Amino acid sequence: MGGSQRVTLKDVAAASGVSRATVSFVLNDDPNQTISATTRERVRQAARDLGYVPHGIARALREGSSRIVVLNIDLQLEGNYSRSYIRGLDNELAAHDHVLLVRHGHSAPRSTQQILDAIAPRAVLRFAQPYLAGHQPTAEDWKSGFAGHAALQIRYLADRGHTHIAMALPDEEFPLTEVRLRFAHATTDALGLPPPTPFVVPRPREAGTAAVRAFLAAHAAVTAVAAFDDDIALRTLTALHDLGLSAPDDLAVIGYDDTEYGALVTPALTTVHIDAEAHGRLAARAALGLDAGGITRTPGRVLVRDSA
């Protein structure tokens, strides 16, 4: 075959000595057709030898959608959690002969619709959509889901004797800020502690230092900070350094999502590490309408370093 010519079902049929219909039945693994094992293997071998790739548009017309699943993710939510989630989602979809397309950041509705019309995806997902839509966490969520991961920060600080805890937040509009605050409040309530005091640590460096200075002056009882993510935690540590203070002696600081940069600073950042591959696999099963049995979510864990 010429290098630029697409191999078709007709080519595979000719090479294996069967009809195009038989090739289609074999390659689509149609359970309703009685085709001998020998013929099935001959067709599959011919397809492999010729480098046959199913035509996605034609298959979409037959099945009503393509075997593509689209994931939309906000740029602010990229981190260790999202990377491991996407890895699990991609691997599970691949195991069921589907392909993942990830779209990062904001896109105009018109361009989004053009893409969806062109590829006719099996499903369109938005990262963290259940929580953004007001999902109430279940007992399992508090054990090994987003709620439980957020609670890890507060519980870790409380176990070390901190009773007045602040939540350091980004100045940008983050999709999950309100959700994280809600989970933090629920955790302090369960522990019998005062609700966490939120404050913003903005960019650039000078602004972040000024914000931390003003916050500490107004909240002398606060002894620990649970940061929205590692980026905000590192801004807080930098501000403490600029103010001549240290962590954890003057203020304990714990990050979230283990971006790995926290291990490179002094003091090294204590943070929450989350392996979300199972979460991605569960999302894939749900998108394909498959049973979720056999997939177990792994609870997050605190990486204890020097800052808290």
C-alpha atoms as a PDB file:
ATOM      1  CA  MET A   1       0.000   0.000   0.000  1.00  0.00           C
ATOM      2  CA  GLY A   2       1.192   3.588  -0.636  1.00  0.00           C
ATOM      3  CA  GLY A   3       2.341   5.367   2.468  1.00  0.00           C
ATOM      4  CA  SER A   4      -0.264   8.128   2.092  1.00  0.00           C
ATOM      5  CA  GLN A   5      -3.211   5.874   1.161  1.00  0.00           C
ATOM      6  CA  ARG A   6      -5.653   4.927   3.905  1.00  0.00           C
ATOM      7  CA  VAL A   7      -6.205   1.214   4.418  1.00  0.00           C
ATOM      8  CA  THR A   8      -9.911   0.367   4.181  1.00  0.00           C
ATOM      9  CA  LEU A   9     -12.170  -2.533   5.126  1.00  0.00           C
ATOM     10  CA  LYS A  10     -12.093  -3.508   1.443  1.00  0.00           C
ATOM     11  CA  ASP A  11      -8.305  -3.887   1.623  1.00  0.00           C
ATOM     12  CA  VAL A  12      -8.499  -6.047   4.745  1.00  0.00           C
ATOM     13  CA  ALA A  13     -11.245  -8.150   3.159  1.00  0.00           C
ATOM     14  CA  ALA A  14      -9.156  -8.736   0.025  1.00  0.00           C
ATOM     15  CA  ALA A  15      -6.082  -9.670   2.059  1.00  0.00           C
ATOM     16  CA  SER A  16      -7.947 -12.125   4.269  1.00  0.00           C
ATOM     17  CA  GLY A  17     -10.221 -13.592   1.571  1.00  0.00           C
ATOM     18  CA  VAL A  18     -13.544 -12.742   3.200  1.00  0.00           C
ATOM     19  CA  SER A  19     -16.301 -10.185   2.644  1.00  0.00           C
ATOM     20  CA  ARG A  20     -16.207  -6.620   3.940  1.00  0.00           C
ATOM     21  CA  ALA A  21     -19.183  -7.453   6.164  1.00  0.00           C
ATOM     22  CA  THR A  22     -17.225 -10.283   7.783  1.00  0.00           C
ATOM     23  CA  VAL A  23     -14.259  -7.970   8.376  1.00  0.00           C
ATOM     24  CA  SER A  24     -16.585  -5.450  10.011  1.00  0.00           C
ATOM     25  CA  PHE A  25     -18.138  -8.124  12.233  1.00  0.00           C
ATOM     26  CA  VAL A  26     -14.714  -9.386  13.331  1.00  0.00           C
ATOM     27  CA  LEU A  27     -13.073  -6.012  13.975  1.00  0.00           C
ATOM     28  CA  ASN A  28     -16.115  -4.743  15.875  1.00  0.00           C
ATOM     29  CA  ASP A  29     -16.232  -8.034  17.811  1.00  0.00           C
ATOM     30  CA  ASP A  30     -19.926  -8.476  17.036  1.00  0.00           C
ATOM     31  CA  PRO A  31     -21.212 -11.147  19.468  1.00  0.00           C
ATOM     32  CA  ASN A  32     -24.242 -11.912  17.304  1.00  0.00           C
ATOM     33  CA  GLN A  33     -22.200 -13.351  14.403  1.00  0.00           C
ATOM     34  CA  THR A  34     -20.985 -16.938  14.214  1.00  0.00           C
ATOM     35  CA  ILE A  35     -17.522 -16.697  12.697  1.00  0.00           C
ATOM     36  CA  SER A  36     -14.876 -19.352  13.215  1.00  0.00           C
ATOM     37  CA  ALA A  37     -11.847 -18.627  15.377  1.00  0.00           C
ATOM     38  CA  THR A  38      -9.587 -19.335  12.395  1.00  0.00           C
ATOM     39  CA  THR A  39     -11.330 -16.752  10.213  1.00  0.00           C
ATOM     40  CA  ARG A  40     -11.353 -14.197  13.027  1.00  0.00           C
ATOM     41  CA  GLU A  41      -7.606 -14.565  13.510  1.00  0.00           C
ATOM     42  CA  ARG A  42      -6.950 -14.375   9.761  1.00  0.00           C
ATOM     43  CA  VAL A  43      -8.893 -11.098   9.534  1.00  0.00           C
ATOM     44  CA  ARG A  44      -7.183  -9.617  12.578  1.00  0.00           C
ATOM     45  CA  GLN A  45      -3.750 -10.593  11.275  1.00  0.00           C
ATOM     46  CA  ALA A  46      -4.493  -8.992   7.912  1.00  0.00           C
ATOM     47  CA  ALA A  47      -5.614  -5.820   9.646  1.00  0.00           C
ATOM     48  CA  ARG A  48      -2.399  -5.768  11.685  1.00  0.00           C
ATOM     49  CA  ASP A  49      -0.207  -6.434   8.669  1.00  0.00           C
ATOM     50  CA  LEU A  50      -1.852  -3.669   6.659  1.00  0.00           C
ATOM     51  CA  GLY A  51      -1.903  -1.191   9.539  1.00  0.00           C
ATOM     52  CA  TYR A  52      -5.687  -0.787   9.375  1.00  0.00           C
ATOM     53  CA  VAL A  53      -7.099   1.969  11.590  1.00  0.00           C
ATOM     54  CA  PRO A  54     -10.900   2.256  12.002  1.00  0.00           C
ATOM     55  CA  HIS A  55     -12.367   5.372  10.444  1.00  0.00           C
ATOM     56  CA  GLY A  56     -13.618   7.417  13.385  1.00  0.00           C
ATOM     57  CA  ILE A  57     -16.251   9.409  11.493  1.00  0.00           C
ATOM     58  CA  ALA A  58     -17.788   6.329   9.908  1.00  0.00           C
ATOM     59  CA  ARG A  59     -17.839   4.545  13.240  1.00  0.00           C
ATOM     60  CA  ALA A  60     -19.435   7.590  14.872  1.00  0.00           C
ATOM     61  CA  LEU A  61     -22.231   7.479  12.305  1.00  0.00           C
ATOM     62  CA  ARG A  62     -22.839   3.807  13.085  1.00  0.00           C
ATOM     63  CA  GLU A  63     -22.690   4.137  16.867  1.00  0.00           C
ATOM     64  CA  GLY A  64     -24.284   7.580  17.217  1.00  0.00           C
ATOM     65  CA  SER A  65     -21.104   9.049  18.720  1.00  0.00           C
ATOM     66  CA  SER A  66     -17.361   8.744  18.409  1.00  0.00           C
ATOM     67  CA  ARG A  67     -15.225   6.915  20.933  1.00  0.00           C
ATOM     68  CA  ILE A  68     -13.848  10.183  22.217  1.00  0.00           C
ATOM     69  CA  VAL A  69     -14.466  11.542  25.712  1.00  0.00           C
ATOM     70  CA  VAL A  70     -13.786  15.241  26.248  1.00  0.00           C
ATOM     71  CA  LEU A  71     -12.549  16.584  29.579  1.00  0.00           C
ATOM     72  CA  ASN A  72     -12.674  20.346  30.178  1.00  0.00           C
ATOM     73  CA  ILE A  73     -10.382  21.537  32.956  1.00  0.00           C
ATOM     74  CA  ASP A  74      -9.779  25.022  34.333  1.00  0.00           C
ATOM     75  CA  LEU A  75      -6.135  26.063  34.225  1.00  0.00           C
ATOM     76  CA  GLN A  76      -6.217  26.930  37.936  1.00  0.00           C
ATOM     77  CA  LEU A  77      -7.013  23.317  38.812  1.00  0.00           C
ATOM     78  CA  GLU A  78      -3.891  21.831  37.256  1.00  0.00           C
ATOM     79  CA  GLY A  79      -1.652  20.048  39.753  1.00  0.00           C
ATOM     80  CA  ASN A  80      -0.703  16.621  41.033  1.00  0.00           C
ATOM     81  CA  TYR A  81      -4.343  15.694  41.641  1.00  0.00           C
ATOM     82  CA  SER A  82      -5.468  16.624  38.142  1.00  0.00           C
ATOM     83  CA  ARG A  83      -2.445  14.957  36.513  1.00  0.00           C
ATOM     84  CA  SER A  84      -3.071  11.643  38.267  1.00  0.00           C
ATOM     85  CA  TYR A  85      -6.833  11.953  37.643  1.00  0.00           C
ATOM     86  CA  ILE A  86      -6.262  12.458  33.918  1.00  0.00           C
ATOM     87  CA  ARG A  87      -3.821   9.529  33.843  1.00  0.00           C
ATOM     88  CA  GLY A  88      -6.438   7.233  35.380  1.00  0.00           C
ATOM     89  CA  LEU A  89      -9.209   8.559  33.145  1.00  0.00           C
ATOM     90  CA  ASP A  90      -7.071   8.110  30.028  1.00  0.00           C
ATOM     91  CA  ASN A  91      -5.935   4.592  30.945  1.00  0.00           C
ATOM     92  CA  GLU A  92      -9.437   3.397  31.778  1.00  0.00           C
ATOM     93  CA  LEU A  93     -10.921   4.843  28.583  1.00  0.00           C
ATOM     94  CA  ALA A  94      -8.139   3.232  26.555  1.00  0.00           C
ATOM     95  CA  ALA A  95      -8.916  -0.112  28.174  1.00  0.00           C
ATOM     96  CA  HIS A  96     -12.436   0.221  26.740  1.00  0.00           C
ATOM     97  CA  ASP A  97     -11.290   1.359  23.289  1.00  0.00           C
ATOM     98  CA  HIS A  98     -11.972   5.063  23.838  1.00  0.00           C
ATOM     99  CA  VAL A  99      -9.755   8.139  23.530  1.00  0.00           C
ATOM    100  CA  LEU A 100      -9.462  11.103  25.892  1.00  0.00           C
ATOM    101  CA  LEU A 101      -9.308  14.679  24.641  1.00  0.00           C
ATOM    102  CA  VAL A 102      -8.337  17.225  27.334  1.00  0.00           C
ATOM    103  CA  ARG A 103      -9.204  20.902  26.824  1.00  0.00           C
ATOM    104  CA  HIS A 104      -7.425  23.303  29.173  1.00  0.00           C
ATOM    105  CA  GLY A 105      -8.655  26.725  30.178  1.00  0.00           C
ATOM    106  CA  HIS A 106     -11.564  28.859  29.077  1.00  0.00           C
ATOM    107  CA  SER A 107     -12.906  28.424  25.552  1.00  0.00           C
ATOM    108  CA  ALA A 108     -15.544  30.426  23.711  1.00  0.00           C
ATOM    109  CA  PRO A 109     -18.885  28.565  23.548  1.00  0.00           C
ATOM    110  CA  ARG A 110     -18.917  28.761  19.743  1.00  0.00           C
ATOM    111  CA  SER A 111     -15.501  27.146  19.309  1.00  0.00           C
ATOM    112  CA  THR A 112     -16.411  24.510  21.878  1.00  0.00           C
ATOM    113  CA  GLN A 113     -19.580  23.633  20.003  1.00  0.00           C
ATOM    114  CA  GLN A 114     -17.679  23.440  16.718  1.00  0.00           C
ATOM    115  CA  ILE A 115     -15.340  20.869  18.217  1.00  0.00           C
ATOM    116  CA  LEU A 116     -18.201  18.854  19.693  1.00  0.00           C
ATOM    117  CA  ASP A 117     -20.093  18.898  16.410  1.00  0.00           C
ATOM    118  CA  ALA A 118     -16.998  17.718  14.549  1.00  0.00           C
ATOM    119  CA  ILE A 119     -16.043  14.806  16.789  1.00  0.00           C
ATOM    120  CA  ALA A 120     -19.454  13.809  18.246  1.00  0.00           C
ATOM    121  CA  PRO A 121     -17.925  12.756  21.603  1.00  0.00           C
ATOM    122  CA  ARG A 122     -19.269   9.885  23.658  1.00  0.00           C
ATOM    123  CA  ALA A 123     -19.281  12.170  26.714  1.00  0.00           C
ATOM    124  CA  VAL A 124     -18.181  15.627  27.821  1.00  0.00           C
ATOM    125  CA  LEU A 125     -16.841  15.952  31.366  1.00  0.00           C
ATOM    126  CA  ARG A 126     -15.827  18.962  33.421  1.00  0.00           C
ATOM    127  CA  PHE A 127     -13.138  18.425  36.029  1.00  0.00           C
ATOM    128  CA  ALA A 128     -14.666  18.492  39.547  1.00  0.00           C
ATOM    129  CA  GLN A 129     -18.128  19.095  38.075  1.00  0.00           C
ATOM    130  CA  PRO A 130     -20.052  17.304  40.872  1.00  0.00           C
ATOM    131  CA  TYR A 131     -18.553  19.581  43.520  1.00  0.00           C
ATOM    132  CA  LEU A 132     -18.950  22.700  41.376  1.00  0.00           C
ATOM    133  CA  ALA A 133     -22.613  21.759  40.945  1.00  0.00           C
ATOM    134  CA  GLY A 134     -23.179  21.554  44.708  1.00  0.00           C
ATOM    135  CA  HIS A 135     -22.640  17.830  45.287  1.00  0.00           C
ATOM    136  CA  GLN A 136     -22.974  16.950  48.965  1.00  0.00           C
ATOM    137  CA  PRO A 137     -20.126  14.677  50.058  1.00  0.00           C
ATOM    138  CA  THR A 138     -20.930  11.127  51.080  1.00  0.00           C
ATOM    139  CA  ALA A 139     -19.224   9.143  53.816  1.00  0.00           C
ATOM    140  CA  GLU A 140     -16.902   7.749  51.136  1.00  0.00           C
ATOM    141  CA  ASP A 141     -16.056  11.289  49.983  1.00  0.00           C
ATOM    142  CA  TRP A 142     -15.019  12.190  53.522  1.00  0.00           C
ATOM    143  CA  LYS A 143     -12.860   9.072  53.629  1.00  0.00           C
ATOM    144  CA  SER A 144     -11.076   9.146  50.268  1.00  0.00           C
ATOM    145  CA  GLY A 145     -12.585  11.945  48.205  1.00  0.00           C
ATOM    146  CA  PHE A 146     -12.205  15.701  47.884  1.00  0.00           C
ATOM    147  CA  ALA A 147     -13.874  16.380  51.225  1.00  0.00           C
ATOM    148  CA  GLY A 148     -11.544  14.005  53.039  1.00  0.00           C
ATOM    149  CA  HIS A 149      -8.471  15.454  51.348  1.00  0.00           C
ATOM    150  CA  ALA A 150      -9.454  18.982  52.392  1.00  0.00           C
ATOM    151  CA  ALA A 151     -10.103  17.799  55.943  1.00  0.00           C
ATOM    152  CA  LEU A 152      -6.612  16.272  56.160  1.00  0.00           C
ATOM    153  CA  GLN A 153      -5.028  19.729  56.418  1.00  0.00           C
ATOM    154  CA  ILE A 154      -7.199  20.834  59.326  1.00  0.00           C
ATOM    155  CA  ARG A 155      -6.957  17.550  61.191  1.00  0.00           C
ATOM    156  CA  TYR A 156      -3.176  17.457  60.845  1.00  0.00           C
ATOM    157  CA  LEU A 157      -2.846  20.948  62.336  1.00  0.00           C
ATOM    158  CA  ALA A 158      -5.383  20.205  65.073  1.00  0.00           C
ATOM    159  CA  ASP A 159      -3.515  17.027  66.051  1.00  0.00           C
ATOM    160  CA  ARG A 160      -0.466  19.228  66.652  1.00  0.00           C
ATOM    161  CA  GLY A 161      -2.304  21.476  69.055  1.00  0.00           C
ATOM    162  CA  HIS A 162      -3.361  24.299  66.747  1.00  0.00           C
ATOM    163  CA  THR A 163      -6.819  25.588  67.630  1.00  0.00           C
ATOM    164  CA  HIS A 164      -6.912  28.852  65.685  1.00  0.00           C
ATOM    165  CA  ILE A 165      -6.314  28.070  62.008  1.00  0.00           C
ATOM    166  CA  ALA A 166      -6.420  30.347  58.969  1.00  0.00           C
ATOM    167  CA  MET A 167      -7.182  29.462  55.341  1.00  0.00           C
ATOM    168  CA  ALA A 168      -4.836  31.156  52.857  1.00  0.00           C
ATOM    169  CA  LEU A 169      -6.619  31.707  49.549  1.00  0.00           C
ATOM    170  CA  PRO A 170      -5.664  32.910  46.053  1.00  0.00           C
ATOM    171  CA  ASP A 171      -6.602  36.359  44.819  1.00  0.00           C
ATOM    172  CA  GLU A 172      -7.669  34.894  41.486  1.00  0.00           C
ATOM    173  CA  GLU A 173     -11.154  33.491  40.984  1.00  0.00           C
ATOM    174  CA  PHE A 174     -10.703  29.768  41.587  1.00  0.00           C
ATOM    175  CA  PRO A 175     -13.621  27.416  40.870  1.00  0.00           C
ATOM    176  CA  LEU A 176     -13.304  25.369  44.062  1.00  0.00           C
ATOM    177  CA  THR A 177     -12.538  28.058  46.663  1.00  0.00           C
ATOM    178  CA  GLU A 178     -16.023  28.087  48.196  1.00  0.00           C
ATOM    179  CA  VAL A 179     -16.148  24.292  48.251  1.00  0.00           C
ATOM    180  CA  ARG A 180     -12.820  24.071  50.083  1.00  0.00           C
ATOM    181  CA  LEU A 181     -13.957  26.634  52.649  1.00  0.00           C
ATOM    182  CA  ARG A 182     -17.154  24.677  53.222  1.00  0.00           C
ATOM    183  CA  PHE A 183     -15.229  21.457  53.857  1.00  0.00           C
ATOM    184  CA  ALA A 184     -12.794  23.270  56.185  1.00  0.00           C
ATOM    185  CA  HIS A 185     -15.695  24.700  58.203  1.00  0.00           C
ATOM    186  CA  ALA A 186     -17.312  21.277  58.465  1.00  0.00           C
ATOM    187  CA  THR A 187     -14.023  19.838  59.746  1.00  0.00           C
ATOM    188  CA  THR A 188     -13.450  22.484  62.429  1.00  0.00           C
ATOM    189  CA  ASP A 189     -17.070  22.079  63.511  1.00  0.00           C
ATOM    190  CA  ALA A 190     -16.563  18.329  63.887  1.00  0.00           C
ATOM    191  CA  LEU A 191     -13.409  18.952  65.940  1.00  0.00           C
ATOM    192  CA  GLY A 192     -15.028  21.595  68.134  1.00  0.00           C
ATOM    193  CA  LEU A 193     -12.668  24.325  66.901  1.00  0.00           C
ATOM    194  CA  PRO A 194     -13.400  27.903  65.836  1.00  0.00           C
ATOM    195  CA  PRO A 195     -14.084  28.185  62.095  1.00  0.00           C
ATOM    196  CA  PRO A 196     -10.973  28.818  59.983  1.00  0.00           C
ATOM    197  CA  THR A 197     -10.299  32.480  59.239  1.00  0.00           C
ATOM    198  CA  PRO A 198      -9.909  33.075  55.482  1.00  0.00           C
ATOM    199  CA  PHE A 199      -7.501  35.600  54.016  1.00  0.00           C
ATOM    200  CA  VAL A 200      -6.011  36.233  50.572  1.00  0.00           C
ATOM    201  CA  VAL A 201      -2.296  36.009  49.749  1.00  0.00           C
ATOM    202  CA  PRO A 202      -1.968  37.853  46.427  1.00  0.00           C
ATOM    203  CA  ARG A 203       0.746  38.292  43.839  1.00  0.00           C
ATOM    204  CA  PRO A 204       3.307  39.850  43.460  1.00  0.00           C
ATOM    205  CA  ARG A 205       5.696  39.071  46.298  1.00  0.00           C
ATOM    206  CA  GLU A 206       5.441  42.490  47.942  1.00  0.00           C
ATOM    207  CA  ALA A 207       1.655  42.368  47.948  1.00  0.00           C
ATOM    208  CA  GLY A 208       1.671  38.885  49.491  1.00  0.00           C
ATOM    209  CA  THR A 209       4.053  39.990  52.227  1.00  0.00           C
ATOM    210  CA  ALA A 210       1.893  43.022  53.009  1.00  0.00           C
ATOM    211  CA  ALA A 211      -1.223  40.831  53.194  1.00  0.00           C
ATOM    212  CA  VAL A 212       0.377  38.342  55.582  1.00  0.00           C
ATOM    213  CA  ARG A 213       1.728  41.176  57.751  1.00  0.00           C
ATOM    214  CA  ALA A 214      -1.715  42.786  58.008  1.00  0.00           C
ATOM    215  CA  PHE A 215      -3.436  39.475  58.687  1.00  0.00           C
ATOM    216  CA  LEU A 216      -1.095  38.447  61.510  1.00  0.00           C
ATOM    217  CA  ALA A 217      -1.381  41.892  63.104  1.00  0.00           C
ATOM    218  CA  ALA A 218      -5.173  41.553  63.173  1.00  0.00           C
ATOM    219  CA  HIS A 219      -5.310  37.863  64.195  1.00  0.00           C
ATOM    220  CA  ALA A 220      -2.703  37.287  66.863  1.00  0.00           C
ATOM    221  CA  ALA A 221      -4.369  34.051  68.017  1.00  0.00           C
ATOM    222  CA  VAL A 222      -3.783  32.282  64.681  1.00  0.00           C
ATOM    223  CA  THR A 223      -0.903  29.821  64.897  1.00  0.00           C
ATOM    224  CA  ALA A 224      -1.320  27.827  61.687  1.00  0.00           C
ATOM    225  CA  VAL A 225      -2.294  28.265  58.052  1.00  0.00           C
ATOM    226  CA  ALA A 226      -3.920  25.715  55.762  1.00  0.00           C
ATOM    227  CA  ALA A 227      -3.264  26.941  52.209  1.00  0.00           C
ATOM    228  CA  PHE A 228      -5.567  26.447  49.240  1.00  0.00           C
ATOM    229  CA  ASP A 229      -2.699  24.782  47.361  1.00  0.00           C
ATOM    230  CA  ASP A 230       1.085  24.567  47.366  1.00  0.00           C
ATOM    231  CA  ASP A 231       1.407  27.773  45.364  1.00  0.00           C
ATOM    232  CA  ILE A 232      -0.434  29.780  48.032  1.00  0.00           C
ATOM    233  CA  ALA A 233       1.525  27.997  50.763  1.00  0.00           C
ATOM    234  CA  LEU A 234       4.815  28.977  49.108  1.00  0.00           C
ATOM    235  CA  ARG A 235       3.654  32.584  48.843  1.00  0.00           C
ATOM    236  CA  THR A 236       2.928  32.470  52.582  1.00  0.00           C
ATOM    237  CA  LEU A 237       6.337  31.001  53.420  1.00  0.00           C
ATOM    238  CA  THR A 238       8.017  33.683  51.308  1.00  0.00           C
ATOM    239  CA  ALA A 239       6.079  36.379  53.148  1.00  0.00           C
ATOM    240  CA  LEU A 240       7.141  34.970  56.517  1.00  0.00           C
ATOM    241  CA  HIS A 241      10.771  35.025  55.384  1.00  0.00           C
ATOM    242  CA  ASP A 242      10.428  38.644  54.273  1.00  0.00           C
ATOM    243  CA  LEU A 243       8.904  39.561  57.642  1.00  0.00           C
ATOM    244  CA  GLY A 244      11.752  37.946  59.572  1.00  0.00           C
ATOM    245  CA  LEU A 245       9.481  35.128  60.783  1.00  0.00           C
ATOM    246  CA  SER A 246       9.806  31.366  60.371  1.00  0.00           C
ATOM    247  CA  ALA A 247       7.692  28.280  59.951  1.00  0.00           C
ATOM    248  CA  PRO A 248       6.663  26.435  61.975  1.00  0.00           C
ATOM    249  CA  ASP A 249       7.998  28.400  64.992  1.00  0.00           C
ATOM    250  CA  ASP A 250       6.048  31.577  64.310  1.00  0.00           C
ATOM    251  CA  LEU A 251       3.375  30.138  62.047  1.00  0.00           C
ATOM    252  CA  ALA A 252       2.820  26.577  60.848  1.00  0.00           C
ATOM    253  CA  VAL A 253       2.025  26.303  57.127  1.00  0.00           C
ATOM    254  CA  ILE A 254       0.613  23.298  55.283  1.00  0.00           C
ATOM    255  CA  GLY A 255       0.076  23.120  51.527  1.00  0.00           C
ATOM    256  CA  TYR A 256      -2.205  21.010  49.363  1.00  0.00           C
ATOM    257  CA  ASP A 257      -1.732  18.866  46.235  1.00  0.00           C
ATOM    258  CA  ASP A 258       2.038  18.254  46.416  1.00  0.00           C
ATOM    259  CA  THR A 259       3.260  20.084  43.325  1.00  0.00           C
ATOM    260  CA  GLU A 260       6.819  18.905  44.226  1.00  0.00           C
ATOM    261  CA  TYR A 261       8.153  22.470  44.391  1.00  0.00           C
ATOM    262  CA  GLY A 262       7.482  22.394  48.117  1.00  0.00           C
ATOM    263  CA  ALA A 263      10.279  19.875  48.597  1.00  0.00           C
ATOM    264  CA  LEU A 264      12.781  22.333  47.086  1.00  0.00           C
ATOM    265  CA  VAL A 265      12.339  25.267  49.474  1.00  0.00           C
ATOM    266  CA  THR A 266      13.552  25.933  53.002  1.00  0.00           C
ATOM    267  CA  PRO A 267      11.737  25.071  55.158  1.00  0.00           C
ATOM    268  CA  ALA A 268      10.443  22.200  53.052  1.00  0.00           C
ATOM    269  CA  LEU A 269       6.682  22.411  52.714  1.00  0.00           C
ATOM    270  CA  THR A 270       4.411  19.998  54.540  1.00  0.00           C
ATOM    271  CA  THR A 271       1.552  19.211  52.146  1.00  0.00           C
ATOM    272  CA  VAL A 272      -1.258  16.847  51.207  1.00  0.00           C
ATOM    273  CA  HIS A 273      -0.480  14.289  48.486  1.00  0.00           C
ATOM    274  CA  ILE A 274      -3.360  12.784  46.533  1.00  0.00           C
ATOM    275  CA  ASP A 275      -3.281   9.892  44.093  1.00  0.00           C
ATOM    276  CA  ALA A 276      -6.398  10.396  41.971  1.00  0.00           C
ATOM    277  CA  GLU A 277      -5.925   7.687  39.344  1.00  0.00           C
ATOM    278  CA  ALA A 278      -8.821   5.709  40.789  1.00  0.00           C
ATOM    279  CA  HIS A 279     -11.010   8.825  40.684  1.00  0.00           C
ATOM    280  CA  GLY A 280     -10.242   9.172  36.980  1.00  0.00           C
ATOM    281  CA  ARG A 281     -10.985   5.510  36.338  1.00  0.00           C
ATOM    282  CA  LEU A 282     -14.317   5.821  38.140  1.00  0.00           C
ATOM    283  CA  ALA A 283     -15.178   8.865  36.030  1.00  0.00           C
ATOM    284  CA  ALA A 284     -14.372   6.886  32.878  1.00  0.00           C
ATOM    285  CA  ARG A 285     -16.607   4.005  33.939  1.00  0.00           C
ATOM    286  CA  ALA A 286     -19.439   6.426  34.719  1.00  0.00           C
ATOM    287  CA  ALA A 287     -19.061   8.190  31.354  1.00  0.00           C
ATOM    288  CA  LEU A 288     -19.249   4.855  29.534  1.00  0.00           C
ATOM    289  CA  GLY A 289     -22.113   3.542  31.635  1.00  0.00           C
ATOM    290  CA  LEU A 290     -20.006   0.716  33.066  1.00  0.00           C
ATOM    291  CA  ASP A 291     -20.028  -0.857  36.502  1.00  0.00           C
ATOM    292  CA  ALA A 292     -17.507   0.678  38.913  1.00  0.00           C
ATOM    293  CA  GLY A 293     -16.757  -2.565  40.729  1.00  0.00           C
ATOM    294  CA  GLY A 294     -13.144  -3.422  41.450  1.00  0.00           C
ATOM    295  CA  ILE A 295     -11.858   0.159  41.622  1.00  0.00           C
ATOM    296  CA  THR A 296     -10.825   1.375  45.070  1.00  0.00           C
ATOM    297  CA  ARG A 297     -10.025   5.003  45.806  1.00  0.00           C
ATOM    298  CA  THR A 298      -6.820   5.648  47.738  1.00  0.00           C
ATOM    299  CA  PRO A 299      -7.107   8.152  50.619  1.00  0.00           C
ATOM    300  CA  GLY A 300      -4.810  11.171  50.493  1.00  0.00           C
ATOM    301  CA  ARG A 301      -1.912  11.468  52.913  1.00  0.00           C
ATOM    302  CA  VAL A 302       0.082  14.210  54.563  1.00  0.00           C
ATOM    303  CA  LEU A 303       3.709  14.512  53.471  1.00  0.00           C
ATOM    304  CA  VAL A 304       5.323  15.662  56.683  1.00  0.00           C
ATOM    305  CA  ARG A 305       8.236  18.001  56.083  1.00  0.00           C
ATOM    306  CA  ASP A 306       9.437  21.057  57.988  1.00  0.00           C
ATOM    307  CA  SER A 307       6.859  23.835  57.675  1.00  0.00           C
ATOM    308  CA  ALA A 308       4.150  22.373  59.928  1.00  0.00           C
END
